[in-house]
Amino acid sequence: MTPERFERIHQVLAKRQPDLTVCMEQVHKPNNISAIIRTADAVGIHRMHAVWPEGTKMRTLGGTSAGSRNWIDVVTHNTTADAFEAMQAQGMQVLVTNLSETAIDFREVDYTRPTAIILGQEKHGISREALDKADQDILIPMVGMVQSLNVSVASALILYEAQRQRQAAGMYQLAKTRLPDDEVHHILFERGHPVLARVAKQKGLPYPPLDDNGQIIADETWWASMQAAKHAR
């Protein structure tokens, strides 16, 4: 890993927003999933949530989202209830896009608060369960004949409003990342030394420390174990 790449990763991690997230509830079209993940990375989301349609698997490792997918942790939940429990355990306000009598303009929300945004399935939208559990319905004002946007477009509008508010509040200008130190080290090692990280993971070896330039600091025992792992393949 070059010092320049090491510094670039640090800069990206310093702007990550651990208290801003989205949850894809039954979203199933690969192009939409890819676009949502790409936008999430662009606004500094660190961890997303998903409840996949029954019998399907995540299909976002290729195509335009491949690079973004490497930087976004997507946590899969078996049910909507499980996803809500995980997000609310972090003290997040949970928002759903829904045209209702209690819905407010999405720009009126305070996104500097810990926030989770539920994105519904392409055809049927947000589930009844999610609507009942959410803290607030939000809407994107429209004056045309169509009363709904593509889910990935809707997510981009909402997330960039969240970014705008957080930027104004100085939440992207922090000198140090808000992510835990051990998680930062994990990311730096895996993204900076992917081949060695893969071998270490196969052998069950810990990731050793990195110096100020991103180079590995490890004793002879660790290197010997890694070398043995390479020969064994």
Protein backbone atom coordinates (compact mmCIF):
# COMPACT_ATOMS: atom_id res chain seq x y z
CA MET A 1 0.00 0.00 0.00
CA THR A 2 1.39 3.38 -0.97
CA PRO A 3 1.42 6.25 1.54
CA GLU A 4 -0.94 8.13 -0.81
CA ARG A 5 -3.53 5.34 -0.75
CA PHE A 6 -3.16 5.01 3.03
CA GLU A 7 -3.87 8.72 3.43
CA ARG A 8 -6.79 8.57 0.99
CA ILE A 9 -8.45 5.76 2.98
CA HIS A 10 -7.98 7.75 6.19
CA GLN A 11 -9.62 10.78 4.57
CA VAL A 12 -12.62 8.70 3.46
CA LEU A 13 -13.04 7.07 6.87
CA ALA A 14 -12.86 10.46 8.62
CA LYS A 15 -16.02 11.50 6.76
CA ARG A 16 -18.00 8.32 7.43
CA GLN A 17 -21.34 8.86 9.16
CA PRO A 18 -21.97 5.86 11.45
CA ASP A 19 -25.29 7.32 12.63
CA LEU A 20 -26.81 7.69 9.15
CA THR A 21 -28.07 4.64 7.29
CA VAL A 22 -30.61 3.21 4.89
CA CYS A 23 -32.49 -0.07 4.94
CA MET A 24 -33.54 -1.73 1.69
CA GLU A 25 -36.75 -3.59 2.47
CA GLN A 26 -37.43 -6.19 -0.22
CA VAL A 27 -35.67 -4.12 -2.91
CA HIS A 28 -34.80 -6.69 -5.55
CA LYS A 29 -33.72 -5.11 -8.84
CA PRO A 30 -29.91 -5.27 -9.17
CA ASN A 31 -29.65 -1.88 -10.88
CA ASN A 32 -31.56 -0.22 -8.03
CA ILE A 33 -29.52 -1.99 -5.35
CA SER A 34 -26.30 -0.95 -7.09
CA ALA A 35 -27.39 2.67 -7.39
CA ILE A 36 -28.49 2.88 -3.75
CA ILE A 37 -25.18 1.46 -2.52
CA ARG A 38 -23.22 3.82 -4.75
CA THR A 39 -25.12 6.85 -3.45
CA ALA A 40 -24.74 5.66 0.15
CA ASP A 41 -20.97 5.49 -0.30
CA ALA A 42 -20.94 8.93 -1.92
CA VAL A 43 -22.61 10.59 1.08
CA GLY A 44 -20.41 8.82 3.62
CA ILE A 45 -22.66 6.03 4.90
CA HIS A 46 -20.64 3.30 6.53
CA ARG A 47 -23.17 0.55 7.20
CA MET A 48 -26.45 -0.25 5.43
CA HIS A 49 -29.23 -2.72 6.23
CA ALA A 50 -31.26 -5.00 3.99
CA VAL A 51 -34.17 -7.39 4.19
CA TRP A 52 -33.95 -9.33 0.95
CA PRO A 53 -36.96 -10.94 -0.76
CA GLU A 54 -37.35 -14.54 0.31
CA GLY A 55 -35.29 -16.96 -1.75
CA THR A 56 -32.99 -14.31 -3.25
CA LYS A 57 -29.39 -13.40 -2.61
CA MET A 58 -27.53 -10.15 -2.85
CA ARG A 59 -26.48 -9.55 -6.44
CA THR A 60 -24.42 -6.38 -6.27
CA LEU A 61 -20.85 -7.61 -6.37
CA GLY A 62 -20.42 -6.88 -10.05
CA GLY A 63 -21.17 -3.93 -12.28
CA THR A 64 -21.15 -0.28 -11.33
CA SER A 65 -21.52 -0.83 -7.59
CA ALA A 66 -18.51 -3.16 -7.27
CA GLY A 67 -16.16 -0.43 -6.05
CA SER A 68 -18.71 1.07 -3.67
CA ARG A 69 -19.69 -2.36 -2.34
CA ASN A 70 -16.13 -2.83 -1.11
CA TRP A 71 -16.55 0.19 1.17
CA ILE A 72 -20.09 -0.31 2.43
CA ASP A 73 -20.97 -2.89 5.05
CA VAL A 74 -24.41 -4.31 4.16
CA VAL A 75 -26.01 -6.09 7.11
CA THR A 76 -28.69 -8.60 6.12
CA HIS A 77 -31.70 -9.19 8.39
CA ASN A 78 -34.17 -12.05 8.19
CA THR A 79 -37.16 -9.85 8.93
CA THR A 80 -38.23 -6.22 8.97
CA ALA A 81 -38.64 -6.47 12.74
CA ASP A 82 -35.00 -7.55 13.10
CA ALA A 83 -33.85 -4.61 10.99
CA PHE A 84 -35.87 -2.13 13.06
CA GLU A 85 -34.52 -3.58 16.28
CA ALA A 86 -30.93 -3.14 15.08
CA MET A 87 -31.45 0.44 13.95
CA GLN A 88 -33.50 1.56 16.93
CA ALA A 89 -30.94 0.02 19.29
CA GLN A 90 -28.58 2.73 17.98
CA GLY A 91 -31.10 5.44 18.90
CA MET A 92 -31.99 6.23 15.28
CA GLN A 93 -35.12 7.96 14.13
CA VAL A 94 -36.61 5.73 11.43
CA LEU A 95 -38.16 7.40 8.39
CA VAL A 96 -40.31 5.91 5.64
CA THR A 97 -41.40 7.49 2.37
CA ASN A 98 -45.18 7.31 2.43
CA LEU A 99 -47.95 9.59 1.16
CA SER A 100 -50.10 9.88 4.28
CA GLU A 101 -51.91 12.57 6.26
CA THR A 102 -49.03 12.71 8.75
CA ALA A 103 -46.24 12.78 6.16
CA ILE A 104 -43.94 15.80 6.07
CA ASP A 105 -41.69 17.16 3.34
CA PHE A 106 -38.43 15.17 3.45
CA ARG A 107 -36.50 18.44 3.68
CA GLU A 108 -38.15 19.32 6.99
CA VAL A 109 -36.48 16.43 8.80
CA ASP A 110 -33.45 17.03 11.03
CA TYR A 111 -30.91 14.65 9.52
CA THR A 112 -28.19 15.69 11.94
CA ARG A 113 -29.92 13.33 14.36
CA PRO A 114 -29.10 9.61 14.13
CA THR A 115 -31.28 8.61 11.18
CA ALA A 116 -32.34 5.49 9.28
CA ILE A 117 -34.28 5.70 6.01
CA ILE A 118 -36.40 2.74 4.89
CA LEU A 119 -36.53 2.13 1.13
CA GLY A 120 -39.42 -0.02 -0.02
CA GLN A 121 -39.84 -2.68 -2.66
CA GLU A 122 -40.13 -1.44 -6.25
CA LYS A 123 -43.72 -2.55 -6.93
CA HIS A 124 -45.46 -2.55 -3.55
CA GLY A 125 -43.39 0.00 -1.63
CA ILE A 126 -42.96 0.01 2.15
CA SER A 127 -44.55 -2.87 4.04
CA ARG A 128 -47.39 -2.32 6.49
CA GLU A 129 -45.12 -3.52 9.28
CA ALA A 130 -42.48 -0.91 8.49
CA LEU A 131 -45.10 1.84 8.26
CA ASP A 132 -46.42 0.90 11.68
CA LYS A 133 -42.96 0.79 13.27
CA ALA A 134 -41.53 3.97 11.72
CA ASP A 135 -41.20 7.23 13.63
CA GLN A 136 -42.13 9.52 10.75
CA ASP A 137 -43.60 9.37 7.24
CA ILE A 138 -41.85 11.62 4.74
CA LEU A 139 -42.73 12.56 1.18
CA ILE A 140 -40.98 14.01 -1.84
CA PRO A 141 -43.25 16.72 -3.30
CA MET A 142 -44.25 16.10 -6.92
CA VAL A 143 -46.51 18.15 -9.22
CA GLY A 144 -46.72 15.81 -12.20
CA MET A 145 -49.09 12.97 -13.04
CA VAL A 146 -46.79 10.36 -11.49
CA GLN A 147 -46.82 10.27 -7.69
CA SER A 148 -43.75 8.11 -7.03
CA LEU A 149 -40.09 8.06 -8.01
CA ASN A 150 -37.76 5.18 -8.71
CA VAL A 151 -36.48 3.92 -5.35
CA SER A 152 -32.85 4.69 -6.17
CA VAL A 153 -33.73 8.23 -7.27
CA ALA A 154 -35.76 8.79 -4.11
CA SER A 155 -32.89 7.53 -1.96
CA ALA A 156 -30.45 9.90 -3.69
CA LEU A 157 -32.66 12.95 -3.08
CA ILE A 158 -33.12 12.14 0.60
CA LEU A 159 -29.51 11.19 1.26
CA TYR A 160 -28.14 14.33 -0.36
CA GLU A 161 -30.46 16.44 1.76
CA ALA A 162 -29.05 14.59 4.77
CA GLN A 163 -25.54 15.29 3.52
CA ARG A 164 -26.35 18.99 2.98
CA GLN A 165 -27.57 19.38 6.55
CA ARG A 166 -24.68 17.45 8.04
CA GLN A 167 -22.15 19.37 5.95
CA ALA A 168 -23.59 22.65 7.26
CA ALA A 169 -23.37 21.31 10.81
CA GLY A 170 -19.68 20.42 10.39
CA MET A 171 -20.23 16.69 10.66
CA TYR A 172 -17.91 15.98 7.71
CA GLN A 173 -15.10 18.20 8.96
CA LEU A 174 -14.02 16.14 11.95
CA ALA A 175 -10.28 15.53 12.23
CA LYS A 176 -10.75 11.90 13.29
CA THR A 177 -13.17 9.24 12.19
CA ARG A 178 -16.09 8.30 14.46
CA LEU A 179 -15.63 4.63 13.64
CA PRO A 180 -14.13 2.32 16.30
CA ASP A 181 -10.34 1.96 16.13
CA ASP A 182 -10.46 -1.80 15.59
CA GLU A 183 -12.87 -1.40 12.68
CA VAL A 184 -10.67 1.26 11.11
CA HIS A 185 -7.66 -1.03 11.37
CA HIS A 186 -9.64 -3.89 9.83
CA ILE A 187 -10.62 -1.72 6.85
CA LEU A 188 -7.14 -0.27 6.37
CA PHE A 189 -5.55 -3.72 6.36
CA GLU A 190 -8.09 -5.38 4.07
CA ARG A 191 -8.22 -2.52 1.57
CA GLY A 192 -4.51 -1.76 1.69
CA HIS A 193 -3.21 -5.34 1.70
CA PRO A 194 -6.02 -7.43 0.16
CA VAL A 195 -3.90 -10.47 -0.76
CA LEU A 196 -2.26 -10.73 2.66
CA ALA A 197 -5.61 -10.10 4.35
CA ARG A 198 -7.16 -13.00 2.45
CA VAL A 199 -4.36 -15.37 3.45
CA ALA A 200 -4.43 -14.21 7.08
CA LYS A 201 -8.18 -14.77 7.20
CA GLN A 202 -7.81 -18.27 5.76
CA LYS A 203 -5.21 -19.11 8.40
CA GLY A 204 -7.10 -17.47 11.23
CA LEU A 205 -4.22 -15.06 11.85
CA PRO A 206 -4.79 -11.59 13.35
CA TYR A 207 -4.12 -8.49 11.30
CA PRO A 208 -0.88 -6.95 12.65
CA PRO A 209 -0.43 -3.21 13.23
CA LEU A 210 0.38 -0.75 10.43
CA ASP A 211 2.89 2.07 10.60
CA ASP A 212 2.18 5.70 9.69
CA ASN A 213 2.65 4.89 6.00
CA GLY A 214 0.37 1.86 6.03
CA GLN A 215 3.15 -0.72 6.04
CA ILE A 216 2.79 -3.91 8.07
CA ILE A 217 4.51 -4.19 11.45
CA ALA A 218 4.71 -7.91 12.26
CA ASP A 219 7.13 -10.28 13.96
CA GLU A 220 8.90 -13.23 12.31
CA THR A 221 6.36 -15.70 13.65
CA TRP A 222 3.50 -14.00 11.83
CA TRP A 223 5.44 -13.78 8.58
CA ALA A 224 6.48 -17.43 8.88
CA SER A 225 2.87 -18.47 9.35
CA MET A 226 1.87 -16.43 6.32
CA GLN A 227 4.64 -17.95 4.22
CA ALA A 228 3.55 -21.45 5.24
CA ALA A 229 0.03 -20.57 4.22
CA LYS A 230 1.21 -19.51 0.76
CA HIS A 231 3.17 -22.73 0.25
CA ALA A 232 0.19 -24.82 1.35
CA ARG A 233 -2.06 -23.46 -1.36
